[in-house]
Amino acid sequence: NTEHVGHCQAINNTPPPFSYVFHIRSFLILYMIMIPFGFINQFEIWMCFFLAVFFYFYAGLEVVSDEIQDPFGFD
């Protein structure tokens, strides 16, 4: 069991790569800005609902990825 604790401490002491976090966040923001322009003619007013669902899903995915990067944070 002490071997597992050593591995967990190594994970805890490794800083998260900021470039990955920045890339994922910027991609998600740009994607959410551009998606309505591609589908507005096809879905019309329903695009607002779809955009809210997409944003909720991808924002949640980003929060999960942030939690994975710092699993032993100060929650």
PDB file of N, CA and C in Angstrom:
ATOM      1  N   ASN A   1       0.805  -1.203   0.000  1.00  0.00           N
ATOM      2  CA  ASN A   1       0.000   0.000   0.000  1.00  0.00           C
ATOM      3  C   ASN A   1       0.844   1.262   0.000  1.00  0.00           C
ATOM      4  N   THR A   2       2.029   1.202   0.565  1.00  0.00           N
ATOM      5  CA  THR A   2       2.882   2.400   0.573  1.00  0.00           C
ATOM      6  C   THR A   2       3.325   2.767  -0.834  1.00  0.00           C
ATOM      7  N   GLU A   3       3.405   1.771  -1.697  1.00  0.00           N
ATOM      8  CA  GLU A   3       3.760   2.053  -3.093  1.00  0.00           C
ATOM      9  C   GLU A   3       2.670   2.885  -3.764  1.00  0.00           C
ATOM     10  N   HIS A   4       1.406   2.583  -3.481  1.00  0.00           N
ATOM     11  CA  HIS A   4       0.289   3.334  -4.048  1.00  0.00           C
ATOM     12  C   HIS A   4       0.271   4.768  -3.520  1.00  0.00           C
ATOM     13  N   VAL A   5       0.600   4.925  -2.246  1.00  0.00           N
ATOM     14  CA  VAL A   5       0.650   6.270  -1.669  1.00  0.00           C
ATOM     15  C   VAL A   5       1.749   7.081  -2.334  1.00  0.00           C
ATOM     16  N   GLY A   6       2.873   6.462  -2.627  1.00  0.00           N
ATOM     17  CA  GLY A   6       3.958   7.145  -3.323  1.00  0.00           C
ATOM     18  C   GLY A   6       3.552   7.604  -4.709  1.00  0.00           C
ATOM     19  N   HIS A   7       2.794   6.765  -5.409  1.00  0.00           N
ATOM     20  CA  HIS A   7       2.314   7.149  -6.740  1.00  0.00           C
ATOM     21  C   HIS A   7       1.321   8.304  -6.661  1.00  0.00           C
ATOM     22  N   CYS A   8       0.434   8.266  -5.666  1.00  0.00           N
ATOM     23  CA  CYS A   8      -0.538   9.353  -5.500  1.00  0.00           C
ATOM     24  C   CYS A   8       0.151  10.664  -5.161  1.00  0.00           C
ATOM     25  N   GLN A   9       1.202  10.609  -4.347  1.00  0.00           N
ATOM     26  CA  GLN A   9       1.943  11.822  -4.021  1.00  0.00           C
ATOM     27  C   GLN A   9       2.661  12.367  -5.250  1.00  0.00           C
ATOM     28  N   ALA A  10       3.151  11.480  -6.100  1.00  0.00           N
ATOM     29  CA  ALA A  10       3.803  11.924  -7.336  1.00  0.00           C
ATOM     30  C   ALA A  10       2.797  12.616  -8.250  1.00  0.00           C
ATOM     31  N   ILE A  11       1.584  12.081  -8.330  1.00  0.00           N
ATOM     32  CA  ILE A  11       0.535  12.714  -9.135  1.00  0.00           C
ATOM     33  C   ILE A  11       0.153  14.061  -8.544  1.00  0.00           C
ATOM     34  N   ASN A  12       0.048  14.118  -7.228  1.00  0.00           N
ATOM     35  CA  ASN A  12      -0.342  15.351  -6.539  1.00  0.00           C
ATOM     36  C   ASN A  12       0.706  16.446  -6.728  1.00  0.00           C
ATOM     37  N   ASN A  13       1.975  16.096  -6.763  1.00  0.00           N
ATOM     38  CA  ASN A  13       3.047  17.089  -6.864  1.00  0.00           C
ATOM     39  C   ASN A  13       3.348  17.506  -8.299  1.00  0.00           C
ATOM     40  N   THR A  14       2.764  16.846  -9.278  1.00  0.00           N
ATOM     41  CA  THR A  14       2.995  17.197 -10.681  1.00  0.00           C
ATOM     42  C   THR A  14       2.059  18.336 -11.072  1.00  0.00           C
ATOM     43  N   PRO A  15       2.606  19.469 -11.518  1.00  0.00           N
ATOM     44  CA  PRO A  15       1.724  20.580 -11.907  1.00  0.00           C
ATOM     45  C   PRO A  15       0.984  20.277 -13.203  1.00  0.00           C
ATOM     46  N   PRO A  16      -0.267  20.749 -13.328  1.00  0.00           N
ATOM     47  CA  PRO A  16      -1.008  20.507 -14.570  1.00  0.00           C
ATOM     48  C   PRO A  16      -0.419  21.338 -15.708  1.00  0.00           C
ATOM     49  N   PRO A  17      -0.389  20.798 -16.898  1.00  0.00           N
ATOM     50  CA  PRO A  17       0.146  21.549 -18.043  1.00  0.00           C
ATOM     51  C   PRO A  17      -0.815  22.670 -18.443  1.00  0.00           C
ATOM     52  N   PHE A  18      -0.399  23.900 -18.231  1.00  0.00           N
ATOM     53  CA  PHE A  18      -1.259  25.048 -18.506  1.00  0.00           C
ATOM     54  C   PHE A  18      -1.595  25.171 -19.980  1.00  0.00           C
ATOM     55  N   SER A  19      -0.679  24.781 -20.858  1.00  0.00           N
ATOM     56  CA  SER A  19      -0.940  24.921 -22.294  1.00  0.00           C
ATOM     57  C   SER A  19      -2.124  24.052 -22.728  1.00  0.00           C
ATOM     58  N   TYR A  20      -2.280  22.875 -22.131  1.00  0.00           N
ATOM     59  CA  TYR A  20      -3.419  22.025 -22.466  1.00  0.00           C
ATOM     60  C   TYR A  20      -4.726  22.652 -22.000  1.00  0.00           C
ATOM     61  N   VAL A  21      -4.716  23.179 -20.797  1.00  0.00           N
ATOM     62  CA  VAL A  21      -5.915  23.813 -20.252  1.00  0.00           C
ATOM     63  C   VAL A  21      -6.312  25.009 -21.102  1.00  0.00           C
ATOM     64  N   PHE A  22      -5.351  25.831 -21.463  1.00  0.00           N
ATOM     65  CA  PHE A  22      -5.626  27.009 -22.290  1.00  0.00           C
ATOM     66  C   PHE A  22      -6.155  26.610 -23.661  1.00  0.00           C
ATOM     67  N   HIS A  23      -5.570  25.598 -24.262  1.00  0.00           N
ATOM     68  CA  HIS A  23      -6.002  25.156 -25.590  1.00  0.00           C
ATOM     69  C   HIS A  23      -7.431  24.622 -25.552  1.00  0.00           C
ATOM     70  N   ILE A  24      -7.764  23.817 -24.576  1.00  0.00           N
ATOM     71  CA  ILE A  24      -9.110  23.245 -24.480  1.00  0.00           C
ATOM     72  C   ILE A  24     -10.141  24.336 -24.238  1.00  0.00           C
ATOM     73  N   ARG A  25      -9.843  25.254 -23.331  1.00  0.00           N
ATOM     74  CA  ARG A  25     -10.797  26.327 -23.029  1.00  0.00           C
ATOM     75  C   ARG A  25     -11.004  27.243 -24.219  1.00  0.00           C
ATOM     76  N   SER A  26      -9.934  27.612 -24.900  1.00  0.00           N
ATOM     77  CA  SER A  26     -10.091  28.505 -26.051  1.00  0.00           C
ATOM     78  C   SER A  26     -10.837  27.809 -27.184  1.00  0.00           C
ATOM     79  N   PHE A  27     -10.581  26.516 -27.403  1.00  0.00           N
ATOM     80  CA  PHE A  27     -11.302  25.778 -28.432  1.00  0.00           C
ATOM     81  C   PHE A  27     -12.789  25.713 -28.111  1.00  0.00           C
ATOM     82  N   LEU A  28     -13.133  25.433 -26.858  1.00  0.00           N
ATOM     83  CA  LEU A  28     -14.544  25.348 -26.484  1.00  0.00           C
ATOM     84  C   LEU A  28     -15.251  26.688 -26.651  1.00  0.00           C
ATOM     85  N   ILE A  29     -14.604  27.761 -26.280  1.00  0.00           N
ATOM     86  CA  ILE A  29     -15.220  29.084 -26.427  1.00  0.00           C
ATOM     87  C   ILE A  29     -15.430  29.405 -27.897  1.00  0.00           C
ATOM     88  N   LEU A  30     -14.426  29.179 -28.729  1.00  0.00           N
ATOM     89  CA  LEU A  30     -14.572  29.450 -30.164  1.00  0.00           C
ATOM     90  C   LEU A  30     -15.632  28.553 -30.802  1.00  0.00           C
ATOM     91  N   TYR A  31     -15.682  27.310 -30.377  1.00  0.00           N
ATOM     92  CA  TYR A  31     -16.683  26.383 -30.910  1.00  0.00           C
ATOM     93  C   TYR A  31     -18.090  26.845 -30.555  1.00  0.00           C
ATOM     94  N   MET A  32     -18.289  27.265 -29.321  1.00  0.00           N
ATOM     95  CA  MET A  32     -19.614  27.703 -28.896  1.00  0.00           C
ATOM     96  C   MET A  32     -20.017  29.024 -29.564  1.00  0.00           C
ATOM     97  N   ILE A  33     -19.061  29.844 -29.923  1.00  0.00           N
ATOM     98  CA  ILE A  33     -19.375  31.083 -30.634  1.00  0.00           C
ATOM     99  C   ILE A  33     -19.737  30.793 -32.090  1.00  0.00           C
ATOM    100  N   MET A  34     -19.059  29.831 -32.718  1.00  0.00           N
ATOM    101  CA  MET A  34     -19.249  29.577 -34.141  1.00  0.00           C
ATOM    102  C   MET A  34     -20.406  28.641 -34.463  1.00  0.00           C
ATOM    103  N   ILE A  35     -20.823  27.783 -33.546  1.00  0.00           N
ATOM    104  CA  ILE A  35     -21.835  26.772 -33.857  1.00  0.00           C
ATOM    105  C   ILE A  35     -23.187  27.359 -34.280  1.00  0.00           C
ATOM    106  N   PRO A  36     -23.663  28.463 -33.711  1.00  0.00           N
ATOM    107  CA  PRO A  36     -24.971  28.963 -34.165  1.00  0.00           C
ATOM    108  C   PRO A  36     -24.976  29.413 -35.622  1.00  0.00           C
ATOM    109  N   PHE A  37     -23.862  29.927 -36.107  1.00  0.00           N
ATOM    110  CA  PHE A  37     -23.812  30.400 -37.486  1.00  0.00           C
ATOM    111  C   PHE A  37     -23.931  29.261 -38.491  1.00  0.00           C
ATOM    112  N   GLY A  38     -23.486  28.082 -38.126  1.00  0.00           N
ATOM    113  CA  GLY A  38     -23.557  26.941 -39.034  1.00  0.00           C
ATOM    114  C   GLY A  38     -24.923  26.285 -39.088  1.00  0.00           C
ATOM    115  N   PHE A  39     -25.712  26.418 -38.025  1.00  0.00           N
ATOM    116  CA  PHE A  39     -26.981  25.692 -37.951  1.00  0.00           C
ATOM    117  C   PHE A  39     -28.210  26.593 -37.893  1.00  0.00           C
ATOM    118  N   ILE A  40     -28.062  27.899 -37.952  1.00  0.00           N
ATOM    119  CA  ILE A  40     -29.208  28.799 -37.784  1.00  0.00           C
ATOM    120  C   ILE A  40     -30.228  28.638 -38.902  1.00  0.00           C
ATOM    121  N   ASN A  41     -29.792  28.381 -40.117  1.00  0.00           N
ATOM    122  CA  ASN A  41     -30.736  28.210 -41.223  1.00  0.00           C
ATOM    123  C   ASN A  41     -31.502  26.894 -41.133  1.00  0.00           C
ATOM    124  N   GLN A  42     -30.882  25.890 -40.556  1.00  0.00           N
ATOM    125  CA  GLN A  42     -31.507  24.575 -40.490  1.00  0.00           C
ATOM    126  C   GLN A  42     -32.465  24.451 -39.302  1.00  0.00           C
ATOM    127  N   PHE A  43     -32.091  24.981 -38.137  1.00  0.00           N
ATOM    128  CA  PHE A  43     -32.888  24.776 -36.931  1.00  0.00           C
ATOM    129  C   PHE A  43     -33.647  26.014 -36.471  1.00  0.00           C
ATOM    130  N   GLU A  44     -33.336  27.178 -37.005  1.00  0.00           N
ATOM    131  CA  GLU A  44     -33.985  28.455 -36.703  1.00  0.00           C
ATOM    132  C   GLU A  44     -34.028  28.721 -35.193  1.00  0.00           C
ATOM    133  N   ILE A  45     -35.217  28.848 -34.597  1.00  0.00           N
ATOM    134  CA  ILE A  45     -35.332  29.241 -33.197  1.00  0.00           C
ATOM    135  C   ILE A  45     -34.874  28.125 -32.250  1.00  0.00           C
ATOM    136  N   TRP A  46     -34.908  26.865 -32.710  1.00  0.00           N
ATOM    137  CA  TRP A  46     -34.473  25.753 -31.870  1.00  0.00           C
ATOM    138  C   TRP A  46     -32.964  25.797 -31.612  1.00  0.00           C
ATOM    139  N   MET A  47     -32.252  26.602 -32.389  1.00  0.00           N
ATOM    140  CA  MET A  47     -30.805  26.685 -32.204  1.00  0.00           C
ATOM    141  C   MET A  47     -30.453  27.206 -30.819  1.00  0.00           C
ATOM    142  N   CYS A  48     -31.298  28.070 -30.248  1.00  0.00           N
ATOM    143  CA  CYS A  48     -31.037  28.581 -28.893  1.00  0.00           C
ATOM    144  C   CYS A  48     -31.064  27.437 -27.881  1.00  0.00           C
ATOM    145  N   PHE A  49     -32.039  26.552 -28.006  1.00  0.00           N
ATOM    146  CA  PHE A  49     -32.113  25.400 -27.106  1.00  0.00           C
ATOM    147  C   PHE A  49     -30.924  24.468 -27.311  1.00  0.00           C
ATOM    148  N   PHE A  50     -30.610  24.147 -28.570  1.00  0.00           N
ATOM    149  CA  PHE A  50     -29.475  23.265 -28.850  1.00  0.00           C
ATOM    150  C   PHE A  50     -28.168  23.866 -28.351  1.00  0.00           C
ATOM    151  N   LEU A  51     -28.006  25.167 -28.520  1.00  0.00           N
ATOM    152  CA  LEU A  51     -26.796  25.824 -28.060  1.00  0.00           C
ATOM    153  C   LEU A  51     -26.674  25.737 -26.541  1.00  0.00           C
ATOM    154  N   ALA A  52     -27.771  25.909 -25.828  1.00  0.00           N
ATOM    155  CA  ALA A  52     -27.737  25.796 -24.370  1.00  0.00           C
ATOM    156  C   ALA A  52     -27.352  24.376 -23.942  1.00  0.00           C
ATOM    157  N   VAL A  53     -27.899  23.367 -24.617  1.00  0.00           N
ATOM    158  CA  VAL A  53     -27.561  21.979 -24.289  1.00  0.00           C
ATOM    159  C   VAL A  53     -26.101  21.697 -24.617  1.00  0.00           C
ATOM    160  N   PHE A  54     -25.641  22.120 -25.784  1.00  0.00           N
ATOM    161  CA  PHE A  54     -24.242  21.920 -26.156  1.00  0.00           C
ATOM    162  C   PHE A  54     -23.310  22.613 -25.178  1.00  0.00           C
ATOM    163  N   PHE A  55     -23.636  23.842 -24.818  1.00  0.00           N
ATOM    164  CA  PHE A  55     -22.786  24.585 -23.900  1.00  0.00           C
ATOM    165  C   PHE A  55     -22.741  23.903 -22.538  1.00  0.00           C
ATOM    166  N   TYR A  56     -23.881  23.418 -22.049  1.00  0.00           N
ATOM    167  CA  TYR A  56     -23.918  22.723 -20.766  1.00  0.00           C
ATOM    168  C   TYR A  56     -23.041  21.470 -20.812  1.00  0.00           C
ATOM    169  N   PHE A  57     -23.132  20.718 -21.899  1.00  0.00           N
ATOM    170  CA  PHE A  57     -22.335  19.502 -22.039  1.00  0.00           C
ATOM    171  C   PHE A  57     -20.847  19.817 -22.091  1.00  0.00           C
ATOM    172  N   TYR A  58     -20.447  20.744 -22.950  1.00  0.00           N
ATOM    173  CA  TYR A  58     -19.030  21.033 -23.104  1.00  0.00           C
ATOM    174  C   TYR A  58     -18.440  21.784 -21.915  1.00  0.00           C
ATOM    175  N   ALA A  59     -19.215  22.636 -21.268  1.00  0.00           N
ATOM    176  CA  ALA A  59     -18.725  23.298 -20.060  1.00  0.00           C
ATOM    177  C   ALA A  59     -18.537  22.265 -18.947  1.00  0.00           C
ATOM    178  N   GLY A  60     -19.449  21.314 -18.855  1.00  0.00           N
ATOM    179  CA  GLY A  60     -19.289  20.241 -17.883  1.00  0.00           C
ATOM    180  C   GLY A  60     -18.079  19.377 -18.181  1.00  0.00           C
ATOM    181  N   LEU A  61     -17.838  19.126 -19.447  1.00  0.00           N
ATOM    182  CA  LEU A  61     -16.664  18.361 -19.845  1.00  0.00           C
ATOM    183  C   LEU A  61     -15.385  19.094 -19.461  1.00  0.00           C
ATOM    184  N   GLU A  62     -15.393  20.400 -19.608  1.00  0.00           N
ATOM    185  CA  GLU A  62     -14.222  21.196 -19.237  1.00  0.00           C
ATOM    186  C   GLU A  62     -14.014  21.186 -17.728  1.00  0.00           C
ATOM    187  N   VAL A  63     -15.086  21.227 -16.960  1.00  0.00           N
ATOM    188  CA  VAL A  63     -14.970  21.173 -15.498  1.00  0.00           C
ATOM    189  C   VAL A  63     -14.424  19.817 -15.069  1.00  0.00           C
ATOM    190  N   VAL A  64     -14.886  18.751 -15.702  1.00  0.00           N
ATOM    191  CA  VAL A  64     -14.377  17.414 -15.384  1.00  0.00           C
ATOM    192  C   VAL A  64     -12.893  17.318 -15.722  1.00  0.00           C
ATOM    193  N   SER A  65     -12.491  17.857 -16.863  1.00  0.00           N
ATOM    194  CA  SER A  65     -11.067  17.815 -17.222  1.00  0.00           C
ATOM    195  C   SER A  65     -10.230  18.632 -16.249  1.00  0.00           C
ATOM    196  N   ASP A  66     -10.770  19.724 -15.756  1.00  0.00           N
ATOM    197  CA  ASP A  66     -10.063  20.522 -14.759  1.00  0.00           C
ATOM    198  C   ASP A  66      -9.926  19.746 -13.457  1.00  0.00           C
ATOM    199  N   GLU A  67     -10.944  19.010 -13.084  1.00  0.00           N
ATOM    200  CA  GLU A  67     -10.887  18.196 -11.853  1.00  0.00           C
ATOM    201  C   GLU A  67      -9.910  17.041 -12.007  1.00  0.00           C
ATOM    202  N   ILE A  68      -9.827  16.470 -13.198  1.00  0.00           N
ATOM    203  CA  ILE A  68      -8.882  15.382 -13.432  1.00  0.00           C
ATOM    204  C   ILE A  68      -7.446  15.879 -13.313  1.00  0.00           C
ATOM    205  N   GLN A  69      -7.204  17.115 -13.723  1.00  0.00           N
ATOM    206  CA  GLN A  69      -5.852  17.653 -13.635  1.00  0.00           C
ATOM    207  C   GLN A  69      -5.434  17.922 -12.202  1.00  0.00           C
ATOM    208  N   ASP A  70      -6.377  18.211 -11.304  1.00  0.00           N
ATOM    209  CA  ASP A  70      -6.045  18.478  -9.913  1.00  0.00           C
ATOM    210  C   ASP A  70      -6.980  17.673  -9.015  1.00  0.00           C
ATOM    211  N   PRO A  71      -6.806  16.337  -8.985  1.00  0.00           N
ATOM    212  CA  PRO A  71      -7.752  15.507  -8.251  1.00  0.00           C
ATOM    213  C   PRO A  71      -7.686  15.666  -6.737  1.00  0.00           C
ATOM    214  N   PHE A  72      -6.576  16.144  -6.218  1.00  0.00           N
ATOM    215  CA  PHE A  72      -6.418  16.303  -4.779  1.00  0.00           C
ATOM    216  C   PHE A  72      -6.463  17.761  -4.375  1.00  0.00           C
ATOM    217  N   GLY A  73      -7.257  18.545  -5.093  1.00  0.00           N
ATOM    218  CA  GLY A  73      -7.344  19.979  -4.826  1.00  0.00           C
ATOM    219  C   GLY A  73      -8.081  20.282  -3.549  1.00  0.00           C
ATOM    220  N   PHE A  74      -8.305  21.544  -3.315  1.00  0.00           N
ATOM    221  CA  PHE A  74      -8.974  22.004  -2.099  1.00  0.00           C
ATOM    222  C   PHE A  74     -10.460  22.151  -2.354  1.00  0.00           C
ATOM    223  N   ASP A  75     -11.172  21.045  -2.491  1.00  0.00           N
ATOM    224  CA  ASP A  75     -12.615  21.070  -2.761  1.00  0.00           C
ATOM    225  C   ASP A  75     -13.389  21.295  -1.489  1.00  0.00           C
TER     226      ASP A  75
END
